[in-house]
Amino acid sequence: MRGFNQSDYLAEYLSQSLKEEVGVESQVLSKAIKRIKVTKTQMGLNRRQRLVNLKHAFSLSPRYLTRIQNQPHIALVDDVVTTGSTVAEVCLLLREQGVKRIDVYCICRASKPIS
C-alpha cells in the first residue's frame, strides 16, 4: 500500500554498513520471501488473530532456495515487529530449509502499553 518497502532500505543500509565498517559481506535477498495468501490487515487484530491470519501466508521463492538452504545464519530485517506473528511464520519457513540461526533486526518493537 505504501508503494515501497522500507525494510528493503534498512536491509541495504545494514548490509553496506557491515561491509564498510567491519568487512562483513552479506547478501540482501529482498524477494526471497513472498506473500502467497491475501490476508486481512494486521492492524487491530490481537496476537491470536494475527497468528491465524498469517498461517501459510508466505513462501520462499524457489529462485532463492539454494542460497537459503542449510545456511548457518540468516538475519531478517523488518521495520516494526508488533506481536511477532509475521516473523514467527517466516522463521518456520527458514527452519524447514535447515537454517541454523535466525536473527531479527527491527527499528521498532511495539508492545502493550503498561497500565
PDB file of N, CA and C in Angstrom:
ATOM      1  N   MET A   1       0.826  -1.202   0.000  1.00  0.00           N
ATOM      2  CA  MET A   1       0.000   0.000   0.000  1.00  0.00           C
ATOM      3  C   MET A   1       0.867   1.261   0.000  1.00  0.00           C
ATOM      4  N   ARG A   2       2.066   1.174   0.590  1.00  0.00           N
ATOM      5  CA  ARG A   2       2.924   2.352   0.687  1.00  0.00           C
ATOM      6  C   ARG A   2       3.644   2.644  -0.629  1.00  0.00           C
ATOM      7  N   GLY A   3       3.776   1.630  -1.484  1.00  0.00           N
ATOM      8  CA  GLY A   3       4.484   1.828  -2.744  1.00  0.00           C
ATOM      9  C   GLY A   3       5.971   1.557  -2.662  1.00  0.00           C
ATOM     10  N   PHE A   4       6.485   1.282  -1.489  1.00  0.00           N
ATOM     11  CA  PHE A   4       7.893   0.925  -1.311  1.00  0.00           C
ATOM     12  C   PHE A   4       8.002   0.075  -0.062  1.00  0.00           C
ATOM     13  N   ASN A   5       9.116  -0.597   0.073  1.00  0.00           N
ATOM     14  CA  ASN A   5       9.325  -1.465   1.235  1.00  0.00           C
ATOM     15  C   ASN A   5      10.468  -0.895   2.067  1.00  0.00           C
ATOM     16  N   GLN A   6      10.125  -0.250   3.162  1.00  0.00           N
ATOM     17  CA  GLN A   6      11.150   0.382   3.993  1.00  0.00           C
ATOM     18  C   GLN A   6      12.116  -0.639   4.581  1.00  0.00           C
ATOM     19  N   SER A   7      11.667  -1.873   4.769  1.00  0.00           N
ATOM     20  CA  SER A   7      12.568  -2.913   5.280  1.00  0.00           C
ATOM     21  C   SER A   7      13.685  -3.210   4.283  1.00  0.00           C
ATOM     22  N   ASP A   8      13.387  -3.103   2.983  1.00  0.00           N
ATOM     23  CA  ASP A   8      14.440  -3.265   1.971  1.00  0.00           C
ATOM     24  C   ASP A   8      15.502  -2.180   2.126  1.00  0.00           C
ATOM     25  N   TYR A   9      15.068  -0.951   2.336  1.00  0.00           N
ATOM     26  CA  TYR A   9      16.013   0.146   2.529  1.00  0.00           C
ATOM     27  C   TYR A   9      16.885  -0.105   3.762  1.00  0.00           C
ATOM     28  N   LEU A  10      16.266  -0.545   4.840  1.00  0.00           N
ATOM     29  CA  LEU A  10      17.011  -0.829   6.068  1.00  0.00           C
ATOM     30  C   LEU A  10      18.020  -1.955   5.848  1.00  0.00           C
ATOM     31  N   ALA A  11      17.606  -2.999   5.152  1.00  0.00           N
ATOM     32  CA  ALA A  11      18.497  -4.137   4.902  1.00  0.00           C
ATOM     33  C   ALA A  11      19.679  -3.728   4.032  1.00  0.00           C
ATOM     34  N   GLU A  12      19.431  -2.954   3.006  1.00  0.00           N
ATOM     35  CA  GLU A  12      20.519  -2.494   2.131  1.00  0.00           C
ATOM     36  C   GLU A  12      21.507  -1.631   2.906  1.00  0.00           C
ATOM     37  N   TYR A  13      20.987  -0.732   3.719  1.00  0.00           N
ATOM     38  CA  TYR A  13      21.851   0.133   4.528  1.00  0.00           C
ATOM     39  C   TYR A  13      22.672  -0.701   5.509  1.00  0.00           C
ATOM     40  N   LEU A  14      22.040  -1.645   6.168  1.00  0.00           N
ATOM     41  CA  LEU A  14      22.737  -2.512   7.117  1.00  0.00           C
ATOM     42  C   LEU A  14      23.825  -3.314   6.422  1.00  0.00           C
ATOM     43  N   SER A  15      23.516  -3.881   5.273  1.00  0.00           N
ATOM     44  CA  SER A  15      24.480  -4.667   4.511  1.00  0.00           C
ATOM     45  C   SER A  15      25.695  -3.822   4.126  1.00  0.00           C
ATOM     46  N   GLN A  16      25.431  -2.623   3.627  1.00  0.00           N
ATOM     47  CA  GLN A  16      26.523  -1.729   3.231  1.00  0.00           C
ATOM     48  C   GLN A  16      27.359  -1.314   4.446  1.00  0.00           C
ATOM     49  N   SER A  17      26.713  -1.038   5.566  1.00  0.00           N
ATOM     50  CA  SER A  17      27.436  -0.657   6.788  1.00  0.00           C
ATOM     51  C   SER A  17      28.304  -1.795   7.302  1.00  0.00           C
ATOM     52  N   LEU A  18      27.787  -3.011   7.263  1.00  0.00           N
ATOM     53  CA  LEU A  18      28.579  -4.163   7.694  1.00  0.00           C
ATOM     54  C   LEU A  18      29.830  -4.321   6.841  1.00  0.00           C
ATOM     55  N   LYS A  19      29.678  -4.104   5.546  1.00  0.00           N
ATOM     56  CA  LYS A  19      30.814  -4.231   4.634  1.00  0.00           C
ATOM     57  C   LYS A  19      31.854  -3.140   4.890  1.00  0.00           C
ATOM     58  N   GLU A  20      31.397  -1.902   5.009  1.00  0.00           N
ATOM     59  CA  GLU A  20      32.312  -0.769   5.173  1.00  0.00           C
ATOM     60  C   GLU A  20      32.972  -0.716   6.548  1.00  0.00           C
ATOM     61  N   GLU A  21      32.209  -1.000   7.589  1.00  0.00           N
ATOM     62  CA  GLU A  21      32.710  -0.800   8.938  1.00  0.00           C
ATOM     63  C   GLU A  21      33.418  -2.002   9.540  1.00  0.00           C
ATOM     64  N   VAL A  22      32.988  -3.209   9.202  1.00  0.00           N
ATOM     65  CA  VAL A  22      33.619  -4.388   9.810  1.00  0.00           C
ATOM     66  C   VAL A  22      34.060  -5.430   8.788  1.00  0.00           C
ATOM     67  N   GLY A  23      33.895  -5.124   7.500  1.00  0.00           N
ATOM     68  CA  GLY A  23      34.361  -6.027   6.467  1.00  0.00           C
ATOM     69  C   GLY A  23      33.574  -7.308   6.295  1.00  0.00           C
ATOM     70  N   VAL A  24      32.333  -7.304   6.738  1.00  0.00           N
ATOM     71  CA  VAL A  24      31.493  -8.495   6.620  1.00  0.00           C
ATOM     72  C   VAL A  24      30.652  -8.391   5.348  1.00  0.00           C
ATOM     73  N   GLU A  25      30.797  -9.394   4.487  1.00  0.00           N
ATOM     74  CA  GLU A  25      29.996  -9.454   3.263  1.00  0.00           C
ATOM     75  C   GLU A  25      28.644 -10.092   3.579  1.00  0.00           C
ATOM     76  N   SER A  26      27.590  -9.531   3.026  1.00  0.00           N
ATOM     77  CA  SER A  26      26.258 -10.101   3.210  1.00  0.00           C
ATOM     78  C   SER A  26      25.459  -9.899   1.930  1.00  0.00           C
ATOM     79  N   GLN A  27      24.421 -10.686   1.771  1.00  0.00           N
ATOM     80  CA  GLN A  27      23.530 -10.568   0.625  1.00  0.00           C
ATOM     81  C   GLN A  27      22.155 -10.145   1.111  1.00  0.00           C
ATOM     82  N   VAL A  28      21.541  -9.234   0.400  1.00  0.00           N
ATOM     83  CA  VAL A  28      20.171  -8.858   0.694  1.00  0.00           C
ATOM     84  C   VAL A  28      19.287  -9.570  -0.323  1.00  0.00           C
ATOM     85  N   LEU A  29      18.431 -10.421   0.179  1.00  0.00           N
ATOM     86  CA  LEU A  29      17.530 -11.199  -0.681  1.00  0.00           C
ATOM     87  C   LEU A  29      16.102 -10.704  -0.482  1.00  0.00           C
ATOM     88  N   SER A  30      15.843  -9.512  -0.978  1.00  0.00           N
ATOM     89  CA  SER A  30      14.547  -8.867  -0.697  1.00  0.00           C
ATOM     90  C   SER A  30      13.361  -9.566  -1.347  1.00  0.00           C
ATOM     91  N   LYS A  31      13.585 -10.387  -2.334  1.00  0.00           N
ATOM     92  CA  LYS A  31      12.481 -11.094  -2.999  1.00  0.00           C
ATOM     93  C   LYS A  31      12.422 -12.570  -2.606  1.00  0.00           C
ATOM     94  N   ALA A  32      13.160 -12.969  -1.590  1.00  0.00           N
ATOM     95  CA  ALA A  32      13.227 -14.380  -1.203  1.00  0.00           C
ATOM     96  C   ALA A  32      11.953 -14.858  -0.513  1.00  0.00           C
ATOM     97  N   ILE A  33      11.270 -13.965   0.153  1.00  0.00           N
ATOM     98  CA  ILE A  33      10.030 -14.328   0.855  1.00  0.00           C
ATOM     99  C   ILE A  33       8.888 -13.621   0.160  1.00  0.00           C
ATOM    100  N   LYS A  34       7.873 -14.388  -0.189  1.00  0.00           N
ATOM    101  CA  LYS A  34       6.740 -13.754  -0.854  1.00  0.00           C
ATOM    102  C   LYS A  34       5.432 -14.155  -0.192  1.00  0.00           C
ATOM    103  N   ARG A  35       4.515 -13.231  -0.217  1.00  0.00           N
ATOM    104  CA  ARG A  35       3.169 -13.482   0.328  1.00  0.00           C
ATOM    105  C   ARG A  35       2.387 -14.250  -0.736  1.00  0.00           C
ATOM    106  N   ILE A  36       1.816 -15.373  -0.328  1.00  0.00           N
ATOM    107  CA  ILE A  36       1.067 -16.193  -1.277  1.00  0.00           C
ATOM    108  C   ILE A  36      -0.425 -16.252  -0.949  1.00  0.00           C
ATOM    109  N   LYS A  37      -0.797 -15.607   0.119  1.00  0.00           N
ATOM    110  CA  LYS A  37      -2.202 -15.630   0.551  1.00  0.00           C
ATOM    111  C   LYS A  37      -2.625 -14.205   0.892  1.00  0.00           C
ATOM    112  N   VAL A  38      -3.755 -13.810   0.370  1.00  0.00           N
ATOM    113  CA  VAL A  38      -4.306 -12.497   0.701  1.00  0.00           C
ATOM    114  C   VAL A  38      -4.841 -12.577   2.128  1.00  0.00           C
ATOM    115  N   THR A  39      -4.412 -11.652   2.966  1.00  0.00           N
ATOM    116  CA  THR A  39      -4.831 -11.659   4.363  1.00  0.00           C
ATOM    117  C   THR A  39      -5.436 -10.307   4.734  1.00  0.00           C
ATOM    118  N   LYS A  40      -6.152 -10.312   5.847  1.00  0.00           N
ATOM    119  CA  LYS A  40      -6.649  -9.060   6.401  1.00  0.00           C
ATOM    120  C   LYS A  40      -5.456  -8.240   6.868  1.00  0.00           C
ATOM    121  N   THR A  41      -5.639  -6.941   6.963  1.00  0.00           N
ATOM    122  CA  THR A  41      -4.601  -6.108   7.544  1.00  0.00           C
ATOM    123  C   THR A  41      -4.417  -6.513   9.008  1.00  0.00           C
ATOM    124  N   GLN A  42      -3.192  -6.480   9.489  1.00  0.00           N
ATOM    125  CA  GLN A  42      -2.898  -6.889  10.856  1.00  0.00           C
ATOM    126  C   GLN A  42      -3.348  -5.855  11.889  1.00  0.00           C
ATOM    127  N   MET A  43      -3.498  -4.609  11.432  1.00  0.00           N
ATOM    128  CA  MET A  43      -3.864  -3.542  12.357  1.00  0.00           C
ATOM    129  C   MET A  43      -5.205  -3.843  13.024  1.00  0.00           C
ATOM    130  N   GLY A  44      -5.232  -3.791  14.322  1.00  0.00           N
ATOM    131  CA  GLY A  44      -6.453  -4.009  15.082  1.00  0.00           C
ATOM    132  C   GLY A  44      -6.683  -5.451  15.503  1.00  0.00           C
ATOM    133  N   LEU A  45      -5.862  -6.376  15.003  1.00  0.00           N
ATOM    134  CA  LEU A  45      -6.008  -7.779  15.389  1.00  0.00           C
ATOM    135  C   LEU A  45      -5.174  -8.073  16.631  1.00  0.00           C
ATOM    136  N   ASN A  46      -5.674  -8.949  17.505  1.00  0.00           N
ATOM    137  CA  ASN A  46      -4.874  -9.355  18.655  1.00  0.00           C
ATOM    138  C   ASN A  46      -3.864 -10.420  18.229  1.00  0.00           C
ATOM    139  N   ARG A  47      -3.028 -10.857  19.151  1.00  0.00           N
ATOM    140  CA  ARG A  47      -1.950 -11.789  18.820  1.00  0.00           C
ATOM    141  C   ARG A  47      -2.480 -13.084  18.205  1.00  0.00           C
ATOM    142  N   ARG A  48      -3.481 -13.688  18.810  1.00  0.00           N
ATOM    143  CA  ARG A  48      -4.023 -14.949  18.292  1.00  0.00           C
ATOM    144  C   ARG A  48      -4.592 -14.756  16.888  1.00  0.00           C
ATOM    145  N   GLN A  49      -5.332 -13.670  16.692  1.00  0.00           N
ATOM    146  CA  GLN A  49      -5.912 -13.392  15.376  1.00  0.00           C
ATOM    147  C   GLN A  49      -4.830 -13.169  14.324  1.00  0.00           C
ATOM    148  N   ARG A  50      -3.749 -12.511  14.723  1.00  0.00           N
ATOM    149  CA  ARG A  50      -2.640 -12.278  13.791  1.00  0.00           C
ATOM    150  C   ARG A  50      -1.973 -13.587  13.386  1.00  0.00           C
ATOM    151  N   LEU A  51      -1.769 -14.470  14.359  1.00  0.00           N
ATOM    152  CA  LEU A  51      -1.148 -15.762  14.056  1.00  0.00           C
ATOM    153  C   LEU A  51      -2.004 -16.564  13.081  1.00  0.00           C
ATOM    154  N   VAL A  52      -3.298 -16.606  13.329  1.00  0.00           N
ATOM    155  CA  VAL A  52      -4.221 -17.331  12.442  1.00  0.00           C
ATOM    156  C   VAL A  52      -4.260 -16.660  11.063  1.00  0.00           C
ATOM    157  N   ASN A  53      -4.301 -15.349  11.046  1.00  0.00           N
ATOM    158  CA  ASN A  53      -4.370 -14.579   9.811  1.00  0.00           C
ATOM    159  C   ASN A  53      -3.186 -14.870   8.890  1.00  0.00           C
ATOM    160  N   LEU A  54      -2.015 -15.054   9.469  1.00  0.00           N
ATOM    161  CA  LEU A  54      -0.802 -15.221   8.664  1.00  0.00           C
ATOM    162  C   LEU A  54      -0.389 -16.673   8.437  1.00  0.00           C
ATOM    163  N   LYS A  55      -1.131 -17.614   9.000  1.00  0.00           N
ATOM    164  CA  LYS A  55      -0.799 -19.028   8.828  1.00  0.00           C
ATOM    165  C   LYS A  55      -0.744 -19.365   7.337  1.00  0.00           C
ATOM    166  N   HIS A  56       0.388 -19.892   6.903  1.00  0.00           N
ATOM    167  CA  HIS A  56       0.609 -20.284   5.499  1.00  0.00           C
ATOM    168  C   HIS A  56       0.447 -19.121   4.519  1.00  0.00           C
ATOM    169  N   ALA A  57       0.730 -17.910   4.957  1.00  0.00           N
ATOM    170  CA  ALA A  57       0.585 -16.736   4.093  1.00  0.00           C
ATOM    171  C   ALA A  57       1.842 -16.442   3.282  1.00  0.00           C
ATOM    172  N   PHE A  58       2.957 -17.089   3.617  1.00  0.00           N
ATOM    173  CA  PHE A  58       4.223 -16.801   2.952  1.00  0.00           C
ATOM    174  C   PHE A  58       4.851 -18.067   2.389  1.00  0.00           C
ATOM    175  N   SER A  59       5.714 -17.864   1.404  1.00  0.00           N
ATOM    176  CA  SER A  59       6.523 -18.974   0.901  1.00  0.00           C
ATOM    177  C   SER A  59       7.894 -18.417   0.535  1.00  0.00           C
ATOM    178  N   LEU A  60       8.830 -19.319   0.369  1.00  0.00           N
ATOM    179  CA  LEU A  60      10.161 -18.931  -0.074  1.00  0.00           C
ATOM    180  C   LEU A  60      10.210 -19.078  -1.584  1.00  0.00           C
ATOM    181  N   SER A  61      10.765 -18.101  -2.245  1.00  0.00           N
ATOM    182  CA  SER A  61      10.879 -18.136  -3.688  1.00  0.00           C
ATOM    183  C   SER A  61      11.839 -19.251  -4.111  1.00  0.00           C
ATOM    184  N   PRO A  62      11.418 -20.123  -5.020  1.00  0.00           N
ATOM    185  CA  PRO A  62      12.308 -21.195  -5.480  1.00  0.00           C
ATOM    186  C   PRO A  62      13.630 -20.668  -6.035  1.00  0.00           C
ATOM    187  N   ARG A  63      13.607 -19.466  -6.563  1.00  0.00           N
ATOM    188  CA  ARG A  63      14.811 -18.834  -7.126  1.00  0.00           C
ATOM    189  C   ARG A  63      15.919 -18.665  -6.079  1.00  0.00           C
ATOM    190  N   TYR A  64      15.532 -18.512  -4.815  1.00  0.00           N
ATOM    191  CA  TYR A  64      16.498 -18.242  -3.753  1.00  0.00           C
ATOM    192  C   TYR A  64      16.765 -19.435  -2.831  1.00  0.00           C
ATOM    193  N   LEU A  65      16.092 -20.550  -3.068  1.00  0.00           N
ATOM    194  CA  LEU A  65      16.203 -21.681  -2.140  1.00  0.00           C
ATOM    195  C   LEU A  65      17.641 -22.150  -1.936  1.00  0.00           C
ATOM    196  N   THR A  66      18.420 -22.247  -2.990  1.00  0.00           N
ATOM    197  CA  THR A  66      19.796 -22.739  -2.818  1.00  0.00           C
ATOM    198  C   THR A  66      20.647 -21.787  -1.990  1.00  0.00           C
ATOM    199  N   ARG A  67      20.315 -20.499  -2.001  1.00  0.00           N
ATOM    200  CA  ARG A  67      21.048 -19.543  -1.171  1.00  0.00           C
ATOM    201  C   ARG A  67      20.619 -19.593   0.296  1.00  0.00           C
ATOM    202  N   ILE A  68      19.439 -20.132   0.546  1.00  0.00           N
ATOM    203  CA  ILE A  68      18.873 -20.165   1.895  1.00  0.00           C
ATOM    204  C   ILE A  68      19.108 -21.501   2.589  1.00  0.00           C
ATOM    205  N   GLN A  69      18.983 -22.583   1.845  1.00  0.00           N
ATOM    206  CA  GLN A  69      19.041 -23.916   2.432  1.00  0.00           C
ATOM    207  C   GLN A  69      20.326 -24.141   3.219  1.00  0.00           C
ATOM    208  N   ASN A  70      20.140 -24.646   4.436  1.00  0.00           N
ATOM    209  CA  ASN A  70      21.234 -25.044   5.328  1.00  0.00           C
ATOM    210  C   ASN A  70      22.222 -23.927   5.655  1.00  0.00           C
ATOM    211  N   GLN A  71      21.757 -22.693   5.596  1.00  0.00           N
ATOM    212  CA  GLN A  71      22.627 -21.575   5.982  1.00  0.00           C
ATOM    213  C   GLN A  71      22.838 -21.588   7.491  1.00  0.00           C
ATOM    214  N   PRO A  72      24.047 -21.283   7.937  1.00  0.00           N
ATOM    215  CA  PRO A  72      24.277 -21.254   9.380  1.00  0.00           C
ATOM    216  C   PRO A  72      23.638 -20.038  10.056  1.00  0.00           C
ATOM    217  N   HIS A  73      23.423 -18.947   9.293  1.00  0.00           N
ATOM    218  CA  HIS A  73      22.921 -17.714   9.909  1.00  0.00           C
ATOM    219  C   HIS A  73      22.208 -16.864   8.872  1.00  0.00           C
ATOM    220  N   ILE A  74      20.993 -16.466   9.184  1.00  0.00           N
ATOM    221  CA  ILE A  74      20.233 -15.526   8.363  1.00  0.00           C
ATOM    222  C   ILE A  74      19.657 -14.466   9.289  1.00  0.00           C
ATOM    223  N   ALA A  75      19.669 -13.225   8.817  1.00  0.00           N
ATOM    224  CA  ALA A  75      19.074 -12.122   9.567  1.00  0.00           C
ATOM    225  C   ALA A  75      17.843 -11.631   8.813  1.00  0.00           C
ATOM    226  N   LEU A  76      16.742 -11.497   9.517  1.00  0.00           N
ATOM    227  CA  LEU A  76      15.532 -10.896   8.964  1.00  0.00           C
ATOM    228  C   LEU A  76      15.512  -9.432   9.368  1.00  0.00           C
ATOM    229  N   VAL A  77      15.161  -8.567   8.439  1.00  0.00           N
ATOM    230  CA  VAL A  77      15.076  -7.138   8.731  1.00  0.00           C
ATOM    231  C   VAL A  77      13.627  -6.711   8.528  1.00  0.00           C
ATOM    232  N   ASP A  78      13.062  -6.095   9.561  1.00  0.00           N
ATOM    233  CA  ASP A  78      11.692  -5.607   9.490  1.00  0.00           C
ATOM    234  C   ASP A  78      11.658  -4.212  10.106  1.00  0.00           C
ATOM    235  N   ASP A  79      10.707  -3.408   9.699  1.00  0.00           N
ATOM    236  CA  ASP A  79      10.629  -2.070  10.269  1.00  0.00           C
ATOM    237  C   ASP A  79       9.985  -2.097  11.641  1.00  0.00           C
ATOM    238  N   VAL A  80       8.822  -2.745  11.754  1.00  0.00           N
ATOM    239  CA  VAL A  80       8.111  -2.808  13.027  1.00  0.00           C
ATOM    240  C   VAL A  80       7.718  -4.249  13.319  1.00  0.00           C
ATOM    241  N   VAL A  81       8.016  -4.706  14.515  1.00  0.00           N
ATOM    242  CA  VAL A  81       7.548  -6.014  14.980  1.00  0.00           C
ATOM    243  C   VAL A  81       6.545  -5.734  16.092  1.00  0.00           C
ATOM    244  N   THR A  82       5.317  -6.163  15.883  1.00  0.00           N
ATOM    245  CA  THR A  82       4.269  -5.908  16.872  1.00  0.00           C
ATOM    246  C   THR A  82       4.111  -7.129  17.762  1.00  0.00           C
ATOM    247  N   THR A  83       3.453  -8.156  17.259  1.00  0.00           N
ATOM    248  CA  THR A  83       3.280  -9.369  18.058  1.00  0.00           C
ATOM    249  C   THR A  83       4.323 -10.422  17.712  1.00  0.00           C
ATOM    250  N   GLY A  84       4.995 -10.249  16.589  1.00  0.00           N
ATOM    251  CA  GLY A  84       5.973 -11.234  16.148  1.00  0.00           C
ATOM    252  C   GLY A  84       5.364 -12.330  15.285  1.00  0.00           C
ATOM    253  N   SER A  85       4.097 -12.209  14.928  1.00  0.00           N
ATOM    254  CA  SER A  85       3.445 -13.268  14.160  1.00  0.00           C
ATOM    255  C   SER A  85       4.018 -13.407  12.747  1.00  0.00           C
ATOM    256  N   THR A  86       4.325 -12.307  12.089  1.00  0.00           N
ATOM    257  CA  THR A  86       4.931 -12.379  10.760  1.00  0.00           C
ATOM    258  C   THR A  86       6.314 -13.010  10.847  1.00  0.00           C
ATOM    259  N   VAL A  87       7.105 -12.544  11.781  1.00  0.00           N
ATOM    260  CA  VAL A  87       8.452 -13.079  11.981  1.00  0.00           C
ATOM    261  C   VAL A  87       8.391 -14.571  12.304  1.00  0.00           C
ATOM    262  N   ALA A  88       7.466 -14.976  13.157  1.00  0.00           N
ATOM    263  CA  ALA A  88       7.343 -16.384  13.535  1.00  0.00           C
ATOM    264  C   ALA A  88       7.021 -17.254  12.322  1.00  0.00           C
ATOM    265  N   GLU A  89       6.123 -16.790  11.486  1.00  0.00           N
ATOM    266  CA  GLU A  89       5.745 -17.558  10.289  1.00  0.00           C
ATOM    267  C   GLU A  89       6.922 -17.684   9.326  1.00  0.00           C
ATOM    268  N   VAL A  90       7.665 -16.613   9.127  1.00  0.00           N
ATOM    269  CA  VAL A  90       8.828 -16.653   8.235  1.00  0.00           C
ATOM    270  C   VAL A  90       9.932 -17.529   8.827  1.00  0.00           C
ATOM    271  N   CYS A  91      10.132 -17.454  10.120  1.00  0.00           N
ATOM    272  CA  CYS A  91      11.138 -18.305  10.771  1.00  0.00           C
ATOM    273  C   CYS A  91      10.826 -19.789  10.590  1.00  0.00           C
ATOM    274  N   LEU A  92       9.556 -20.156  10.633  1.00  0.00           N
ATOM    275  CA  LEU A  92       9.178 -21.552  10.387  1.00  0.00           C
ATOM    276  C   LEU A  92       9.612 -21.997   8.988  1.00  0.00           C
ATOM    277  N   LEU A  93       9.404 -21.137   8.002  1.00  0.00           N
ATOM    278  CA  LEU A  93       9.828 -21.460   6.636  1.00  0.00           C
ATOM    279  C   LEU A  93      11.339 -21.647   6.552  1.00  0.00           C
ATOM    280  N   LEU A  94      12.073 -20.758   7.207  1.00  0.00           N
ATOM    281  CA  LEU A  94      13.536 -20.834   7.167  1.00  0.00           C
ATOM    282  C   LEU A  94      14.050 -22.074   7.893  1.00  0.00           C
ATOM    283  N   ARG A  95      13.452 -22.390   9.019  1.00  0.00           N
ATOM    284  CA  ARG A  95      13.840 -23.604   9.761  1.00  0.00           C
ATOM    285  C   ARG A  95      13.608 -24.857   8.929  1.00  0.00           C
ATOM    286  N   GLU A  96      12.509 -24.882   8.186  1.00  0.00           N
ATOM    287  CA  GLU A  96      12.214 -26.023   7.314  1.00  0.00           C
ATOM    288  C   GLU A  96      13.291 -26.211   6.252  1.00  0.00           C
ATOM    289  N   GLN A  97      14.013 -25.145   5.938  1.00  0.00           N
ATOM    290  CA  GLN A  97      15.095 -25.210   4.950  1.00  0.00           C
ATOM    291  C   GLN A  97      16.456 -25.442   5.595  1.00  0.00           C
ATOM    292  N   GLY A  98      16.463 -25.702   6.888  1.00  0.00           N
ATOM    293  CA  GLY A  98      17.705 -26.048   7.568  1.00  0.00           C
ATOM    294  C   GLY A  98      18.528 -24.878   8.086  1.00  0.00           C
ATOM    295  N   VAL A  99      17.943 -23.687   8.118  1.00  0.00           N
ATOM    296  CA  VAL A  99      18.669 -22.528   8.658  1.00  0.00           C
ATOM    297  C   VAL A  99      18.893 -22.749  10.147  1.00  0.00           C
ATOM    298  N   LYS A 100      20.136 -22.576  10.579  1.00  0.00           N
ATOM    299  CA  LYS A 100      20.502 -22.876  11.968  1.00  0.00           C
ATOM    300  C   LYS A 100      20.189 -21.728  12.928  1.00  0.00           C
ATOM    301  N   ARG A 101      20.552 -20.514  12.541  1.00  0.00           N
ATOM    302  CA  ARG A 101      20.382 -19.349  13.426  1.00  0.00           C
ATOM    303  C   ARG A 101      19.666 -18.246  12.655  1.00  0.00           C
ATOM    304  N   ILE A 102      18.660 -17.651  13.287  1.00  0.00           N
ATOM    305  CA  ILE A 102      17.911 -16.564  12.672  1.00  0.00           C
ATOM    306  C   ILE A 102      17.893 -15.394  13.648  1.00  0.00           C
ATOM    307  N   ASP A 103      18.428 -14.268  13.209  1.00  0.00           N
ATOM    308  CA  ASP A 103      18.350 -13.034  13.990  1.00  0.00           C
ATOM    309  C   ASP A 103      17.284 -12.150  13.363  1.00  0.00           C
ATOM    310  N   VAL A 104      16.616 -11.365  14.190  1.00  0.00           N
ATOM    311  CA  VAL A 104      15.606 -10.429  13.700  1.00  0.00           C
ATOM    312  C   VAL A 104      16.041  -9.030  14.106  1.00  0.00           C
ATOM    313  N   TYR A 105      16.213  -8.178  13.108  1.00  0.00           N
ATOM    314  CA  TYR A 105      16.569  -6.780  13.345  1.00  0.00           C
ATOM    315  C   TYR A 105      15.370  -5.931  12.980  1.00  0.00           C
ATOM    316  N   CYS A 106      14.966  -5.070  13.909  1.00  0.00           N
ATOM    317  CA  CYS A 106      13.854  -4.180  13.626  1.00  0.00           C
ATOM    318  C   CYS A 106      14.130  -2.812  14.236  1.00  0.00           C
ATOM    319  N   ILE A 107      13.494  -1.818  13.678  1.00  0.00           N
ATOM    320  CA  ILE A 107      13.640  -0.450  14.176  1.00  0.00           C
ATOM    321  C   ILE A 107      12.763  -0.227  15.398  1.00  0.00           C
ATOM    322  N   CYS A 108      11.582  -0.821  15.378  1.00  0.00           N
ATOM    323  CA  CYS A 108      10.642  -0.601  16.466  1.00  0.00           C
ATOM    324  C   CYS A 108      10.007  -1.919  16.882  1.00  0.00           C
ATOM    325  N   ARG A 109       9.967  -2.151  18.168  1.00  0.00           N
ATOM    326  CA  ARG A 109       9.280  -3.316  18.725  1.00  0.00           C
ATOM    327  C   ARG A 109       8.089  -2.787  19.488  1.00  0.00           C
ATOM    328  N   ALA A 110       6.908  -2.940  18.922  1.00  0.00           N
ATOM    329  CA  ALA A 110       5.694  -2.454  19.577  1.00  0.00           C
ATOM    330  C   ALA A 110       5.303  -3.437  20.666  1.00  0.00           C
ATOM    331  N   SER A 111       4.761  -2.934  21.710  1.00  0.00           N
ATOM    332  CA  SER A 111       4.309  -3.809  22.805  1.00  0.00           C
ATOM    333  C   SER A 111       3.066  -3.191  23.442  1.00  0.00           C
ATOM    334  N   LYS A 112       2.473  -3.983  24.323  1.00  0.00           N
ATOM    335  CA  LYS A 112       1.309  -3.481  25.036  1.00  0.00           C
ATOM    336  C   LYS A 112       1.700  -2.321  25.935  1.00  0.00           C
ATOM    337  N   PRO A 113       0.845  -1.313  26.020  1.00  0.00           N
ATOM    338  CA  PRO A 113       1.127  -0.244  26.964  1.00  0.00           C
ATOM    339  C   PRO A 113       1.069  -0.763  28.409  1.00  0.00           C
ATOM    340  N   ILE A 114       1.926  -0.233  29.230  1.00  0.00           N
ATOM    341  CA  ILE A 114       1.925  -0.611  30.651  1.00  0.00           C
ATOM    342  C   ILE A 114       0.834   0.192  31.339  1.00  0.00           C
ATOM    343  N   SER A 115      -0.066  -0.511  32.049  1.00  0.00           N
ATOM    344  CA  SER A 115      -1.170   0.197  32.700  1.00  0.00           C
ATOM    345  C   SER A 115      -0.905   0.416  34.169  1.00  0.00           C
TER     346      SER A 115
END
